[in-house]
Amino acid sequence: MTLLGWVRQDWAANAGRPETQLLLAWFRLAQWADRHWGTAGLLVVKPYWLITSLLLGFELPVTATVGPRLSIYHRNGIVVSAHATLGSDCQLRHAVTVGNKTDRDGREVGVARVGDHVDLGAGCAVIGDIEVGDHARIGALAVVTRPVPAWAIVAGNPGRVIRIDGPGADGAGADGAGVAGRAAPEPRRPDQPKITR
C-alpha cells in the first residue's frame, strides 16, 4: 500500500476528529520514512517522536506494526510498545497501554499482539507475550496478561473473559456458558458476590 493509501484509510476511520487524523498522518509519514528513506528518514522520525511523546503524551513508535484504519478516541496517555502489533480496524481510547514484558535484567521477553477489529477501552493494559483475538473487546481499566480468544469481552483486574459474543456463541450469558467450541471462563466462586443489575 502507498503512503497516501495508509493516510486515507486512517483519515476515513477518524472522521470528525481532525487532531487524530493529523497525528495518524504524521505517524504514517514517519513510519514510511523510517522504512523507505534510510538515514534521511530520521529527519521525519526524530521530530515526530520527540513532539508526540514528550509534548503530546502519545507514544506510537514507528517500529510498531499497526494495521490500517486505526481509530483513536482521546489520544492522551496512549502507550504502544515498539514491537507491539495492532491489527486492522482497532480502536484505542485514552490511557491505553499495549506493552511488553521484561525479565529482571530488563530484556524484553514478549510483547502483545492485538488482532483485527479489537476495541481497547480507556485505561486498559494489554501486557506481555500474549495475543488478543480478532473482534475482542477489552473493558475500561482491565489488565490483560493472558491470551484472549476471538470475540471475547474482557473486564477486570486481572482481566477475565466475561462473555464470548461472536459467531459460534449460542446464547452465552455473563458466565460464558453455552459457548460452542470454546472453553467457558472460570465460574464464579461461592465467596464472590453476585452482581445484579
Protein backbone atom coordinates (compact mmCIF):
# COMPACT_ATOMS: atom_id res chain seq x y z
CA MET A 1 0.00 0.00 0.00
CA THR A 2 1.18 3.51 -0.71
CA LEU A 3 1.72 6.15 1.95
CA LEU A 4 -1.31 8.03 0.67
CA GLY A 5 -3.38 4.84 0.92
CA TRP A 6 -2.45 4.38 4.59
CA VAL A 7 -3.24 8.01 5.38
CA ARG A 8 -6.59 7.97 3.55
CA GLN A 9 -7.77 4.86 5.40
CA ASP A 10 -6.83 6.26 8.82
CA TRP A 11 -8.34 9.62 7.85
CA ALA A 12 -11.70 8.00 7.00
CA ALA A 13 -11.70 5.91 10.20
CA ASN A 14 -11.26 9.07 12.28
CA ALA A 15 -13.76 11.34 10.52
CA GLY A 16 -14.77 14.20 12.79
CA ARG A 17 -11.57 14.04 14.84
CA PRO A 18 -9.14 16.29 12.92
CA GLU A 19 -6.42 16.25 15.61
CA THR A 20 -6.33 12.45 15.45
CA GLN A 21 -6.37 12.49 11.64
CA LEU A 22 -3.32 14.77 11.59
CA LEU A 23 -1.50 12.80 14.28
CA LEU A 24 -2.00 9.50 12.45
CA ALA A 25 -1.00 11.06 9.13
CA TRP A 26 2.24 12.18 10.79
CA PHE A 27 2.72 8.70 12.26
CA ARG A 28 2.25 7.08 8.84
CA LEU A 29 4.69 9.55 7.26
CA ALA A 30 7.30 8.90 9.98
CA GLN A 31 6.79 5.14 9.68
CA TRP A 32 7.11 5.34 5.89
CA ALA A 33 10.25 7.47 6.19
CA ASP A 34 11.78 5.02 8.66
CA ARG A 35 11.17 2.06 6.35
CA HIS A 36 11.88 3.63 2.95
CA TRP A 37 14.19 6.62 3.27
CA GLY A 38 17.12 5.20 5.20
CA THR A 39 19.13 7.70 7.23
CA ALA A 40 17.26 10.64 5.68
CA GLY A 41 14.10 9.30 7.32
CA LEU A 42 15.48 10.40 10.69
CA LEU A 43 14.61 13.98 9.68
CA VAL A 44 10.95 12.98 9.98
CA VAL A 45 11.14 10.26 12.65
CA LYS A 46 13.03 12.19 15.34
CA PRO A 47 10.76 15.28 15.40
CA TYR A 48 7.70 13.00 15.30
CA TRP A 49 8.92 11.01 18.30
CA LEU A 50 10.05 14.00 20.36
CA ILE A 51 6.89 16.02 19.87
CA THR A 52 4.36 13.21 20.23
CA SER A 53 5.98 11.51 23.23
CA LEU A 54 7.33 14.50 25.15
CA LEU A 55 4.77 17.19 24.38
CA LEU A 56 1.59 15.32 23.49
CA GLY A 57 1.90 12.31 25.81
CA PHE A 58 1.23 9.89 22.96
CA GLU A 59 3.63 7.03 22.26
CA LEU A 60 3.11 5.18 18.99
CA PRO A 61 6.60 4.26 17.78
CA VAL A 62 7.29 3.89 14.07
CA THR A 63 8.69 0.40 14.72
CA ALA A 64 5.30 -0.91 15.91
CA THR A 65 3.22 -2.87 13.40
CA VAL A 66 -0.08 -1.02 13.00
CA GLY A 67 -2.79 -2.14 10.61
CA PRO A 68 -4.96 0.15 8.52
CA ARG A 69 -7.91 2.19 9.78
CA LEU A 70 -6.68 2.67 13.34
CA SER A 71 -9.26 4.70 15.29
CA ILE A 72 -8.12 6.78 18.24
CA TYR A 73 -10.51 8.49 20.63
CA HIS A 74 -8.84 10.90 23.05
CA ARG A 75 -5.17 10.29 22.25
CA ASN A 76 -3.78 11.31 25.65
CA GLY A 77 -1.71 8.78 27.56
CA ILE A 78 -1.69 6.08 24.87
CA VAL A 79 1.47 3.94 25.01
CA VAL A 80 2.22 1.23 22.44
CA SER A 81 5.41 -0.82 22.75
CA ALA A 82 7.98 -0.50 19.98
CA HIS A 83 7.49 -4.14 18.96
CA ALA A 84 3.74 -4.45 19.50
CA THR A 85 1.30 -5.43 16.77
CA LEU A 86 -2.11 -3.82 16.26
CA GLY A 87 -4.32 -5.39 13.59
CA SER A 88 -6.63 -3.60 11.20
CA ASP A 89 -9.64 -1.58 12.35
CA CYS A 90 -8.56 -1.39 16.01
CA GLN A 91 -9.93 1.25 18.36
CA LEU A 92 -7.87 2.88 21.12
CA ARG A 93 -9.03 5.22 23.84
CA HIS A 94 -7.11 7.39 26.27
CA ALA A 95 -4.54 5.84 28.62
CA VAL A 96 -4.39 2.51 26.75
CA THR A 97 -1.15 0.55 27.12
CA VAL A 98 -0.13 -2.21 24.73
CA GLY A 99 3.13 -3.23 26.31
CA ASN A 100 5.93 -5.69 26.61
CA LYS A 101 7.13 -7.89 29.42
CA THR A 102 10.74 -7.79 30.57
CA ASP A 103 12.84 -10.05 32.73
CA ARG A 104 14.68 -8.83 35.83
CA ASP A 105 17.66 -7.79 33.69
CA GLY A 106 15.47 -5.53 31.55
CA ARG A 107 15.46 -7.76 28.46
CA GLU A 108 12.19 -7.91 26.56
CA VAL A 109 10.70 -11.40 26.81
CA GLY A 110 7.46 -10.80 24.95
CA VAL A 111 5.13 -8.20 23.55
CA ALA A 112 1.39 -8.14 22.96
CA ARG A 113 -0.18 -8.86 19.58
CA VAL A 114 -3.64 -7.40 19.07
CA GLY A 115 -5.85 -8.85 16.32
CA ASP A 116 -8.21 -7.17 13.86
CA HIS A 117 -11.31 -5.21 14.91
CA VAL A 118 -10.27 -5.10 18.58
CA ASP A 119 -11.74 -2.40 20.83
CA LEU A 120 -9.45 -1.34 23.70
CA GLY A 121 -11.28 0.54 26.46
CA ALA A 122 -9.99 3.59 28.31
CA GLY A 123 -7.14 2.89 30.70
CA CYS A 124 -6.77 -0.79 29.86
CA ALA A 125 -3.38 -2.52 29.77
CA VAL A 126 -2.54 -5.45 27.50
CA ILE A 127 0.88 -6.63 28.60
CA GLY A 128 3.29 -9.44 27.80
CA ASP A 129 3.74 -12.16 25.23
CA ILE A 130 0.03 -12.65 24.59
CA GLU A 131 -2.38 -12.50 21.69
CA VAL A 132 -5.73 -10.75 21.72
CA GLY A 133 -8.04 -12.43 19.21
CA ASP A 134 -9.97 -10.70 16.45
CA HIS A 135 -13.13 -8.79 17.41
CA ALA A 136 -12.30 -8.89 21.14
CA ARG A 137 -13.38 -6.04 23.39
CA ILE A 138 -11.26 -5.10 26.38
CA GLY A 139 -13.13 -3.12 29.04
CA ALA A 140 -12.01 0.11 30.63
CA LEU A 141 -9.22 -0.33 33.19
CA ALA A 142 -8.86 -4.07 32.50
CA VAL A 143 -5.38 -5.52 32.99
CA VAL A 144 -4.83 -8.31 30.48
CA THR A 145 -1.84 -10.61 30.93
CA ARG A 146 -3.26 -13.81 29.39
CA PRO A 147 -4.32 -14.64 25.83
CA VAL A 148 -7.81 -13.51 24.83
CA PRO A 149 -9.90 -15.58 22.40
CA ALA A 150 -11.60 -14.05 19.38
CA TRP A 151 -14.92 -12.30 20.06
CA ALA A 152 -14.28 -12.27 23.83
CA ILE A 153 -15.31 -9.47 26.15
CA VAL A 154 -12.74 -8.98 28.91
CA ALA A 155 -13.12 -6.92 32.08
CA GLY A 156 -11.47 -6.52 35.46
CA ASN A 157 -8.08 -6.66 37.10
CA PRO A 158 -6.85 -9.23 36.41
CA GLY A 159 -8.72 -9.30 33.13
CA ARG A 160 -11.07 -12.21 32.67
CA VAL A 161 -13.35 -13.28 29.86
CA ILE A 162 -16.91 -12.49 30.86
CA ARG A 163 -18.54 -13.43 27.58
CA ILE A 164 -17.85 -14.54 24.04
CA ASP A 165 -20.44 -12.99 21.76
CA GLY A 166 -19.40 -13.71 18.21
CA PRO A 167 -20.06 -16.41 15.65
CA GLY A 168 -20.35 -19.82 17.27
CA ALA A 169 -21.67 -18.47 20.55
CA ASP A 170 -25.10 -19.93 21.27
CA GLY A 171 -26.56 -17.60 23.83
CA ALA A 172 -23.53 -17.18 26.05
CA GLY A 173 -24.58 -15.48 29.24
CA ALA A 174 -22.49 -13.42 31.63
CA ASP A 175 -20.85 -16.57 32.94
CA GLY A 176 -19.79 -17.67 29.43
CA ALA A 177 -21.94 -20.82 29.48
CA GLY A 178 -23.12 -22.12 26.15
CA VAL A 179 -20.17 -21.07 24.04
CA ALA A 180 -19.77 -23.57 21.24
CA GLY A 181 -16.27 -24.91 20.73
CA ARG A 182 -14.67 -22.73 23.37
CA ALA A 183 -13.83 -23.28 26.99
CA ALA A 184 -16.01 -21.30 29.37
CA PRO A 185 -14.29 -18.87 31.71
CA GLU A 186 -13.76 -19.81 35.31
CA PRO A 187 -17.07 -19.97 37.18
CA ARG A 188 -17.87 -17.54 39.97
CA ARG A 189 -16.51 -18.68 43.31
CA PRO A 190 -19.04 -19.08 46.15
CA ASP A 191 -17.29 -16.34 48.14
CA GLN A 192 -17.64 -13.83 45.29
CA PRO A 193 -20.71 -11.61 45.49
CA LYS A 194 -23.19 -11.98 42.64
CA ILE A 195 -23.54 -8.81 40.61
CA THR A 196 -27.14 -7.94 39.81
CA ARG A 197 -28.49 -5.21 37.64
